[in-house]
C-alpha atoms as a PDB file:
ATOM      1  CA  UNK A   1      39.173 -25.262   0.489  1.00  0.00           C
ATOM      2  CA  UNK A   2      36.356 -24.568  -1.965  1.00  0.00           C
ATOM      3  CA  UNK A   3      34.631 -21.238  -1.371  1.00  0.00           C
ATOM      4  CA  UNK A   4      30.834 -21.445  -1.245  1.00  0.00           C
ATOM      5  CA  UNK A   5      29.166 -19.554  -4.051  1.00  0.00           C
ATOM      6  CA  UNK A   6      26.332 -17.321  -2.873  1.00  0.00           C
ATOM      7  CA  UNK A   7      23.553 -16.877  -5.387  1.00  0.00           C
ATOM      8  CA  UNK A   8      22.037 -13.507  -6.251  1.00  0.00           C
ATOM      9  CA  UNK A   9      18.822 -14.516  -4.464  1.00  0.00           C
ATOM     10  CA  UNK A  10      20.731 -15.408  -1.289  1.00  0.00           C
ATOM     11  CA  UNK A  11      22.515 -12.059  -1.388  1.00  0.00           C
ATOM     12  CA  UNK A  12      19.143 -10.299  -1.615  1.00  0.00           C
ATOM     13  CA  UNK A  13      17.809 -12.349   1.293  1.00  0.00           C
ATOM     14  CA  UNK A  14      20.814 -11.407   3.419  1.00  0.00           C
ATOM     15  CA  UNK A  15      20.277  -7.712   2.656  1.00  0.00           C
ATOM     16  CA  UNK A  16      16.564  -7.974   3.474  1.00  0.00           C
ATOM     17  CA  UNK A  17      17.346  -9.681   6.803  1.00  0.00           C
ATOM     18  CA  UNK A  18      19.937  -7.034   7.665  1.00  0.00           C
ATOM     19  CA  UNK A  19      17.550  -4.178   6.934  1.00  0.00           C
ATOM     20  CA  UNK A  20      14.768  -5.779   8.949  1.00  0.00           C
ATOM     21  CA  UNK A  21      17.119  -6.170  11.898  1.00  0.00           C
ATOM     22  CA  UNK A  22      18.366  -2.571  11.633  1.00  0.00           C
ATOM     23  CA  UNK A  23      15.070  -0.776  10.900  1.00  0.00           C
ATOM     24  CA  UNK A  24      12.282  -3.054  12.108  1.00  0.00           C
ATOM     25  CA  UNK A  25      10.518  -2.710   8.750  1.00  0.00           C
ATOM     26  CA  UNK A  26      11.320  -2.780   5.033  1.00  0.00           C
ATOM     27  CA  UNK A  27       9.467  -1.184   2.119  1.00  0.00           C
ATOM     28  CA  UNK A  28       8.971  -2.718  -1.294  1.00  0.00           C
ATOM     29  CA  UNK A  29      10.070   0.396  -3.175  1.00  0.00           C
ATOM     30  CA  UNK A  30      13.119   0.822  -0.944  1.00  0.00           C
ATOM     31  CA  UNK A  31      14.246  -2.766  -1.633  1.00  0.00           C
ATOM     32  CA  UNK A  32      13.688  -2.421  -5.377  1.00  0.00           C
ATOM     33  CA  UNK A  33      15.932   0.640  -5.448  1.00  0.00           C
ATOM     34  CA  UNK A  34      18.679  -0.738  -3.206  1.00  0.00           C
ATOM     35  CA  UNK A  35      18.802  -4.205  -4.782  1.00  0.00           C
ATOM     36  CA  UNK A  36      18.141  -2.985  -8.331  1.00  0.00           C
ATOM     37  CA  UNK A  37      15.379  -5.536  -8.856  1.00  0.00           C
ATOM     38  CA  UNK A  38      11.809  -5.546 -10.100  1.00  0.00           C
ATOM     39  CA  UNK A  39       8.835  -5.512  -7.726  1.00  0.00           C
ATOM     40  CA  UNK A  40       7.943  -9.078  -8.738  1.00  0.00           C
ATOM     41  CA  UNK A  41      11.419 -10.298  -7.766  1.00  0.00           C
ATOM     42  CA  UNK A  42      11.273  -8.611  -4.359  1.00  0.00           C
ATOM     43  CA  UNK A  43       7.741  -9.888  -3.757  1.00  0.00           C
ATOM     44  CA  UNK A  44       8.983 -13.419  -4.489  1.00  0.00           C
ATOM     45  CA  UNK A  45      11.886 -12.902  -2.063  1.00  0.00           C
ATOM     46  CA  UNK A  46       9.535 -11.697   0.677  1.00  0.00           C
ATOM     47  CA  UNK A  47       7.168 -14.613   0.047  1.00  0.00           C
ATOM     48  CA  UNK A  48      10.088 -17.058   0.265  1.00  0.00           C
ATOM     49  CA  UNK A  49      11.297 -15.568   3.565  1.00  0.00           C
ATOM     50  CA  UNK A  50       7.749 -15.515   4.936  1.00  0.00           C
ATOM     51  CA  UNK A  51       7.319 -19.209   4.129  1.00  0.00           C
ATOM     52  CA  UNK A  52      10.537 -19.861   6.076  1.00  0.00           C
ATOM     53  CA  UNK A  53       9.076 -18.009   9.054  1.00  0.00           C
ATOM     54  CA  UNK A  54      11.597 -15.166   8.924  1.00  0.00           C
ATOM     55  CA  UNK A  55       9.231 -12.253   8.343  1.00  0.00           C
ATOM     56  CA  UNK A  56       5.605 -11.263   7.873  1.00  0.00           C
ATOM     57  CA  UNK A  57       4.592  -9.513   4.652  1.00  0.00           C
ATOM     58  CA  UNK A  58       2.536  -6.326   5.050  1.00  0.00           C
ATOM     59  CA  UNK A  59       0.968  -3.816   2.698  1.00  0.00           C
ATOM     60  CA  UNK A  60       3.962  -2.363   0.853  1.00  0.00           C
ATOM     61  CA  UNK A  61       6.738  -4.291   2.593  1.00  0.00           C
ATOM     62  CA  UNK A  62       7.454  -6.583   5.531  1.00  0.00           C
ATOM     63  CA  UNK A  63       8.095  -6.666   9.280  1.00  0.00           C
ATOM     64  CA  UNK A  64      10.027  -9.132  11.492  1.00  0.00           C
ATOM     65  CA  UNK A  65       8.092 -12.215  12.528  1.00  0.00           C
ATOM     66  CA  UNK A  66       8.113 -11.103  16.165  1.00  0.00           C
ATOM     67  CA  UNK A  67       5.793  -8.241  15.150  1.00  0.00           C
ATOM     68  CA  UNK A  68       3.535 -10.450  13.048  1.00  0.00           C
ATOM     69  CA  UNK A  69       0.459  -9.973  15.237  1.00  0.00           C
ATOM     70  CA  UNK A  70       0.660  -6.236  14.607  1.00  0.00           C
ATOM     71  CA  UNK A  71       1.129  -6.779  10.890  1.00  0.00           C
ATOM     72  CA  UNK A  72      -1.906  -9.040  10.761  1.00  0.00           C
ATOM     73  CA  UNK A  73      -3.985  -6.421  12.517  1.00  0.00           C
ATOM     74  CA  UNK A  74      -3.066  -3.835   9.879  1.00  0.00           C
ATOM     75  CA  UNK A  75      -3.613  -6.331   7.076  1.00  0.00           C
ATOM     76  CA  UNK A  76      -7.046  -7.135   8.474  1.00  0.00           C
ATOM     77  CA  UNK A  77      -7.974  -3.448   8.625  1.00  0.00           C
ATOM     78  CA  UNK A  78      -6.791  -2.992   5.053  1.00  0.00           C
ATOM     79  CA  UNK A  79      -9.170  -5.712   3.863  1.00  0.00           C
ATOM     80  CA  UNK A  80     -12.234  -4.309   5.683  1.00  0.00           C
ATOM     81  CA  UNK A  81     -14.501  -2.489   3.170  1.00  0.00           C
ATOM     82  CA  UNK A  82     -11.610  -2.590   0.708  1.00  0.00           C
ATOM     83  CA  UNK A  83     -13.800  -2.069  -2.382  1.00  0.00           C
ATOM     84  CA  UNK A  84     -15.427   0.991  -0.790  1.00  0.00           C
ATOM     85  CA  UNK A  85     -12.036   2.443   0.146  1.00  0.00           C
ATOM     86  CA  UNK A  86     -10.749   1.871  -3.384  1.00  0.00           C
ATOM     87  CA  UNK A  87     -13.786   3.643  -4.820  1.00  0.00           C
ATOM     88  CA  UNK A  88     -13.232   6.604  -2.473  1.00  0.00           C
ATOM     89  CA  UNK A  89      -9.551   6.706  -3.429  1.00  0.00           C
ATOM     90  CA  UNK A  90     -10.186   6.697  -7.186  1.00  0.00           C
ATOM     91  CA  UNK A  91     -12.763   9.459  -6.820  1.00  0.00           C
ATOM     92  CA  UNK A  92     -10.340  11.600  -4.802  1.00  0.00           C
ATOM     93  CA  UNK A  93      -7.495  11.210  -7.287  1.00  0.00           C
ATOM     94  CA  UNK A  94      -9.677  11.863 -10.336  1.00  0.00           C
ATOM     95  CA  UNK A  95     -12.021  14.543  -8.966  1.00  0.00           C
ATOM     96  CA  UNK A  96     -10.479  16.214  -5.902  1.00  0.00           C
ATOM     97  CA  UNK A  97      -6.708  16.385  -6.317  1.00  0.00           C
ATOM     98  CA  UNK A  98      -5.585  18.849  -8.975  1.00  0.00           C
ATOM     99  CA  UNK A  99      -2.579  18.366 -11.202  1.00  0.00           C
ATOM    100  CA  UNK A 100       0.525  19.820  -9.552  1.00  0.00           C
ATOM    101  CA  UNK A 101      -1.075  19.913  -6.094  1.00  0.00           C
ATOM    102  CA  UNK A 102       0.648  19.176  -2.815  1.00  0.00           C
ATOM    103  CA  UNK A 103      -1.318  16.749  -0.651  1.00  0.00           C
ATOM    104  CA  UNK A 104      -0.850  15.252   2.789  1.00  0.00           C
ATOM    105  CA  UNK A 105      -1.876  11.680   3.530  1.00  0.00           C
ATOM    106  CA  UNK A 106      -2.633  10.792   7.134  1.00  0.00           C
ATOM    107  CA  UNK A 107      -2.195   7.370   8.690  1.00  0.00           C
ATOM    108  CA  UNK A 108      -5.032   4.934   7.992  1.00  0.00           C
ATOM    109  CA  UNK A 109      -6.089   2.331   5.471  1.00  0.00           C
ATOM    110  CA  UNK A 110      -8.178   4.604   3.241  1.00  0.00           C
ATOM    111  CA  UNK A 111      -5.106   6.761   2.727  1.00  0.00           C
ATOM    112  CA  UNK A 112      -3.148   3.652   1.735  1.00  0.00           C
ATOM    113  CA  UNK A 113      -5.722   3.144  -1.023  1.00  0.00           C
ATOM    114  CA  UNK A 114      -5.417   6.811  -2.014  1.00  0.00           C
ATOM    115  CA  UNK A 115      -1.657   6.298  -2.374  1.00  0.00           C
ATOM    116  CA  UNK A 116      -2.279   3.258  -4.560  1.00  0.00           C
ATOM    117  CA  UNK A 117      -4.698   5.251  -6.736  1.00  0.00           C
ATOM    118  CA  UNK A 118      -2.100   8.029  -7.051  1.00  0.00           C
ATOM    119  CA  UNK A 119       0.477   5.423  -8.087  1.00  0.00           C
ATOM    120  CA  UNK A 120      -1.860   4.076 -10.793  1.00  0.00           C
ATOM    121  CA  UNK A 121      -2.610   7.560 -12.119  1.00  0.00           C
ATOM    122  CA  UNK A 122      -0.313   9.745 -14.184  1.00  0.00           C
ATOM    123  CA  UNK A 123      -1.246  12.992 -12.422  1.00  0.00           C
ATOM    124  CA  UNK A 124       1.848  14.904 -11.237  1.00  0.00           C
ATOM    125  CA  UNK A 125       1.770  15.992  -7.583  1.00  0.00           C
ATOM    126  CA  UNK A 126       3.723  16.213  -4.361  1.00  0.00           C
ATOM    127  CA  UNK A 127       2.772  13.931  -1.483  1.00  0.00           C
ATOM    128  CA  UNK A 128       3.716  14.440   2.167  1.00  0.00           C
ATOM    129  CA  UNK A 129       2.917  11.606   4.551  1.00  0.00           C
ATOM    130  CA  UNK A 130       3.591   9.851   7.830  1.00  0.00           C
ATOM    131  CA  UNK A 131       1.816   6.725   6.521  1.00  0.00           C
ATOM    132  CA  UNK A 132       4.534   4.115   5.980  1.00  0.00           C
ATOM    133  CA  UNK A 133       2.638   1.730   3.634  1.00  0.00           C
ATOM    134  CA  UNK A 134       1.412   4.717   1.591  1.00  0.00           C
ATOM    135  CA  UNK A 135       4.952   6.053   1.308  1.00  0.00           C
ATOM    136  CA  UNK A 136       6.287   2.611   0.373  1.00  0.00           C
ATOM    137  CA  UNK A 137       3.753   2.344  -2.457  1.00  0.00           C
ATOM    138  CA  UNK A 138       4.683   5.771  -3.836  1.00  0.00           C
ATOM    139  CA  UNK A 139       8.430   5.213  -3.952  1.00  0.00           C
ATOM    140  CA  UNK A 140       7.973   3.756  -7.445  1.00  0.00           C
ATOM    141  CA  UNK A 141       5.760   6.602  -8.766  1.00  0.00           C
ATOM    142  CA  UNK A 142       7.835   8.770 -11.155  1.00  0.00           C
ATOM    143  CA  UNK A 143       5.124  11.457 -11.291  1.00  0.00           C
ATOM    144  CA  UNK A 144       5.159  11.995  -7.506  1.00  0.00           C
ATOM    145  CA  UNK A 145       7.553  14.075  -5.411  1.00  0.00           C
ATOM    146  CA  UNK A 146       7.435  12.182  -2.139  1.00  0.00           C
ATOM    147  CA  UNK A 147       8.222  13.590   1.316  1.00  0.00           C
ATOM    148  CA  UNK A 148       8.144  11.216   4.295  1.00  0.00           C
ATOM    149  CA  UNK A 149       8.203  12.403   7.881  1.00  0.00           C
ATOM    150  CA  UNK A 150      10.624  11.077  10.436  1.00  0.00           C
ATOM    151  CA  UNK A 151       9.839  10.270  14.035  1.00  0.00           C
ATOM    152  CA  UNK A 152       8.898   7.224  16.089  1.00  0.00           C
ATOM    153  CA  UNK A 153       7.422   4.362  14.068  1.00  0.00           C
ATOM    154  CA  UNK A 154       4.047   3.252  15.450  1.00  0.00           C
ATOM    155  CA  UNK A 155       3.766  -0.344  14.335  1.00  0.00           C
ATOM    156  CA  UNK A 156       0.119  -0.785  15.247  1.00  0.00           C
ATOM    157  CA  UNK A 157      -0.771   2.044  12.877  1.00  0.00           C
ATOM    158  CA  UNK A 158       2.105   1.641  10.400  1.00  0.00           C
ATOM    159  CA  UNK A 159       2.689   5.382  10.810  1.00  0.00           C
ATOM    160  CA  UNK A 160       5.317   7.810  12.067  1.00  0.00           C
ATOM    161  CA  UNK A 161       4.760  10.042  15.079  1.00  0.00           C
ATOM    162  CA  UNK A 162       6.243  13.265  13.750  1.00  0.00           C
ATOM    163  CA  UNK A 163       4.499  16.438  14.885  1.00  0.00           C
ATOM    164  CA  UNK A 164       7.597  18.642  14.493  1.00  0.00           C
ATOM    165  CA  UNK A 165       8.157  17.653  10.852  1.00  0.00           C
ATOM    166  CA  UNK A 166       4.827  19.086   9.744  1.00  0.00           C
ATOM    167  CA  UNK A 167       5.342  22.444  11.415  1.00  0.00           C
ATOM    168  CA  UNK A 168       7.563  23.539   8.521  1.00  0.00           C
ATOM    169  CA  UNK A 169       5.578  22.024   5.642  1.00  0.00           C
ATOM    170  CA  UNK A 170       2.717  23.396   3.541  1.00  0.00           C
ATOM    171  CA  UNK A 171       0.077  21.562   1.503  1.00  0.00           C
ATOM    172  CA  UNK A 172      -3.063  22.264  -0.490  1.00  0.00           C
ATOM    173  CA  UNK A 173      -5.052  19.314   0.862  1.00  0.00           C
ATOM    174  CA  UNK A 174      -4.853  17.087   3.930  1.00  0.00           C
ATOM    175  CA  UNK A 175      -6.779  13.817   3.920  1.00  0.00           C
ATOM    176  CA  UNK A 176      -7.570  13.126   7.564  1.00  0.00           C
ATOM    177  CA  UNK A 177      -8.208   9.630   8.908  1.00  0.00           C
ATOM    178  CA  UNK A 178     -10.432   9.156  11.961  1.00  0.00           C
ATOM    179  CA  UNK A 179     -12.181   6.212  13.601  1.00  0.00           C
ATOM    180  CA  UNK A 180     -15.469   7.988  14.233  1.00  0.00           C
ATOM    181  CA  UNK A 181     -17.584  10.885  12.985  1.00  0.00           C
ATOM    182  CA  UNK A 182     -20.753  11.657  14.918  1.00  0.00           C
ATOM    183  CA  UNK A 183     -23.022  14.666  14.356  1.00  0.00           C
ATOM    184  CA  UNK A 184     -23.269  15.385  18.087  1.00  0.00           C
ATOM    185  CA  UNK A 185     -19.547  14.984  18.869  1.00  0.00           C
ATOM    186  CA  UNK A 186     -17.243  15.632  15.909  1.00  0.00           C
ATOM    187  CA  UNK A 187     -14.190  13.771  14.615  1.00  0.00           C
ATOM    188  CA  UNK A 188     -12.664  11.235  17.018  1.00  0.00           C
ATOM    189  CA  UNK A 189      -9.865   8.658  17.213  1.00  0.00           C
ATOM    190  CA  UNK A 190      -8.929   5.927  19.741  1.00  0.00           C
ATOM    191  CA  UNK A 191      -5.256   6.891  20.183  1.00  0.00           C
ATOM    192  CA  UNK A 192      -4.644  10.014  22.274  1.00  0.00           C
ATOM    193  CA  UNK A 193      -0.998  10.251  21.132  1.00  0.00           C
ATOM    194  CA  UNK A 194      -1.968  10.822  17.487  1.00  0.00           C
ATOM    195  CA  UNK A 195      -3.921  14.017  18.047  1.00  0.00           C
ATOM    196  CA  UNK A 196      -0.970  16.426  18.080  1.00  0.00           C
ATOM    197  CA  UNK A 197       0.382  15.087  14.791  1.00  0.00           C
ATOM    198  CA  UNK A 198      -3.041  15.375  13.163  1.00  0.00           C
ATOM    199  CA  UNK A 199      -3.416  18.947  14.443  1.00  0.00           C
ATOM    200  CA  UNK A 200       0.019  19.852  13.033  1.00  0.00           C
ATOM    201  CA  UNK A 201      -0.980  18.426   9.637  1.00  0.00           C
ATOM    202  CA  UNK A 202      -4.260  20.348   9.714  1.00  0.00           C
ATOM    203  CA  UNK A 203      -2.521  23.635  10.526  1.00  0.00           C
ATOM    204  CA  UNK A 204      -0.154  23.449   7.569  1.00  0.00           C
ATOM    205  CA  UNK A 205      -2.840  22.537   5.010  1.00  0.00           C
ATOM    206  CA  UNK A 206      -5.091  24.963   3.172  1.00  0.00           C
ATOM    207  CA  UNK A 207      -8.001  22.518   3.389  1.00  0.00           C
ATOM    208  CA  UNK A 208      -8.637  19.339   5.379  1.00  0.00           C
ATOM    209  CA  UNK A 209     -11.011  16.626   4.193  1.00  0.00           C
ATOM    210  CA  UNK A 210     -12.002  13.642   6.327  1.00  0.00           C
ATOM    211  CA  UNK A 211     -11.861  10.379   4.357  1.00  0.00           C
ATOM    212  CA  UNK A 212     -13.652   7.401   5.918  1.00  0.00           C
ATOM    213  CA  UNK A 213     -15.569   4.332   4.871  1.00  0.00           C
ATOM    214  CA  UNK A 214     -19.227   4.164   5.912  1.00  0.00           C
ATOM    215  CA  UNK A 215     -18.544   2.139   9.085  1.00  0.00           C
ATOM    216  CA  UNK A 216     -17.007   5.217  10.774  1.00  0.00           C
ATOM    217  CA  UNK A 217     -20.117   7.416  10.502  1.00  0.00           C
ATOM    218  CA  UNK A 218     -22.115   7.621  13.719  1.00  0.00           C
ATOM    219  CA  UNK A 219     -19.236   6.174  15.756  1.00  0.00           C
ATOM    220  CA  UNK A 220     -17.356   7.912  18.594  1.00  0.00           C
ATOM    221  CA  UNK A 221     -13.733   7.287  19.600  1.00  0.00           C
ATOM    222  CA  UNK A 222     -11.897   8.060  22.820  1.00  0.00           C
ATOM    223  CA  UNK A 223     -10.255  11.345  21.815  1.00  0.00           C
ATOM    224  CA  UNK A 224     -11.776  14.336  20.029  1.00  0.00           C
ATOM    225  CA  UNK A 225      -9.687  15.636  17.125  1.00  0.00           C
ATOM    226  CA  UNK A 226     -11.868  18.631  16.283  1.00  0.00           C
ATOM    227  CA  UNK A 227     -15.400  19.783  15.570  1.00  0.00           C
ATOM    228  CA  UNK A 228     -17.236  20.604  12.366  1.00  0.00           C
ATOM    229  CA  UNK A 229     -16.214  24.250  12.579  1.00  0.00           C
ATOM    230  CA  UNK A 230     -12.681  23.169  11.611  1.00  0.00           C
ATOM    231  CA  UNK A 231     -13.451  20.445   9.054  1.00  0.00           C
ATOM    232  CA  UNK A 232     -16.670  20.628   7.081  1.00  0.00           C
ATOM    233  CA  UNK A 233     -16.034  18.164   4.244  1.00  0.00           C
ATOM    234  CA  UNK A 234     -16.324  14.380   4.480  1.00  0.00           C
ATOM    235  CA  UNK A 235     -15.821  11.862   1.690  1.00  0.00           C
ATOM    236  CA  UNK A 236     -17.300   8.421   2.342  1.00  0.00           C
ATOM    237  CA  UNK A 237     -19.048   5.673   0.384  1.00  0.00           C
ATOM    238  CA  UNK A 238     -22.671   5.118  -0.609  1.00  0.00           C
ATOM    239  CA  UNK A 239     -23.343   2.508   2.087  1.00  0.00           C
ATOM    240  CA  UNK A 240     -23.360   5.164   4.804  1.00  0.00           C
ATOM    241  CA  UNK A 241     -26.291   5.464   7.213  1.00  0.00           C
ATOM    242  CA  UNK A 242     -28.407   8.101   5.484  1.00  0.00           C
ATOM    243  CA  UNK A 243     -29.930   9.352   8.744  1.00  0.00           C
ATOM    244  CA  UNK A 244     -26.478  10.195  10.130  1.00  0.00           C
ATOM    245  CA  UNK A 245     -25.518  11.749   6.798  1.00  0.00           C
ATOM    246  CA  UNK A 246     -28.575  14.013   6.878  1.00  0.00           C
ATOM    247  CA  UNK A 247     -27.813  15.102  10.450  1.00  0.00           C
ATOM    248  CA  UNK A 248     -24.283  16.033   9.363  1.00  0.00           C
ATOM    249  CA  UNK A 249     -25.576  17.906   6.339  1.00  0.00           C
ATOM    250  CA  UNK A 250     -28.027  19.810   8.542  1.00  0.00           C
ATOM    251  CA  UNK A 251     -24.990  21.103  10.434  1.00  0.00           C
ATOM    252  CA  UNK A 252     -23.595  22.517   7.191  1.00  0.00           C
ATOM    253  CA  UNK A 253     -21.135  19.680   6.604  1.00  0.00           C
ATOM    254  CA  UNK A 254     -20.562  18.677   2.998  1.00  0.00           C
ATOM    255  CA  UNK A 255     -20.831  14.877   2.831  1.00  0.00           C
ATOM    256  CA  UNK A 256     -19.842  13.303  -0.469  1.00  0.00           C
ATOM    257  CA  UNK A 257     -20.951   9.685  -0.890  1.00  0.00           C
ATOM    258  CA  UNK A 258     -18.955   7.912  -3.574  1.00  0.00           C
ATOM    259  CA  UNK A 259     -20.691   5.075  -5.471  1.00  0.00           C
ATOM    260  CA  UNK A 260     -19.074   1.734  -4.737  1.00  0.00           C
ATOM    261  CA  UNK A 261     -17.458   0.332  -7.856  1.00  0.00           C
ATOM    262  CA  UNK A 262     -17.571  -3.345  -8.708  1.00  0.00           C
ATOM    263  CA  UNK A 263     -14.469  -5.187  -7.583  1.00  0.00           C
ATOM    264  CA  UNK A 264     -12.112  -5.794 -10.484  1.00  0.00           C
END
């Protein structure tokens, strides 16, 4: 009997399928390291498997097709105000994060863009995160010491629920993601379960900065994270409602509005 010869590509596809089955998600950097292949090769593999209906590509990796509706939701959020988020991210990496700093990245799409800006920079730093796409992007950054929390994977947020992990960590800066910032309420989010993890990350950071695109200003979510007595710095983009910005500034909050760069 003639033994079937399995190509290198087929072997990679088998490994990708196995890891998706075992973990429920795969990261681009993880696959590059395990399979000893370039990012372009793995991207082509993921595209091939997506076309066959075996998985859904996400920012920084892929998820099984049965979770595709969740992946699409995250992908859609990533594309909203993408240019503004990229401008915020580049400003933060060039002007806010110091060389050799330790930073924490929260869940959220703006923090994914911050991770991408860190990857594209050459600034050495340590990054601690529960943001799976952000962590996946940074696995290929040689200038970054990366620490990823454990815990339950929240697919709708592409993040890890890991309050205990952060109780033993320390960082210089924490970039907080929220769904709403209103001058008469504070910082809010829609998911009650996330609050404890965010509080743990705030406690172990010397300074917390809220990073949001302009659509979050003036909005109120279901659950209060904290007030302006705990976080008094916000970085957003220059399309923010100036009346809400002035009300925040009148409370003593520093609001930095980053000019939106032209899309490259």
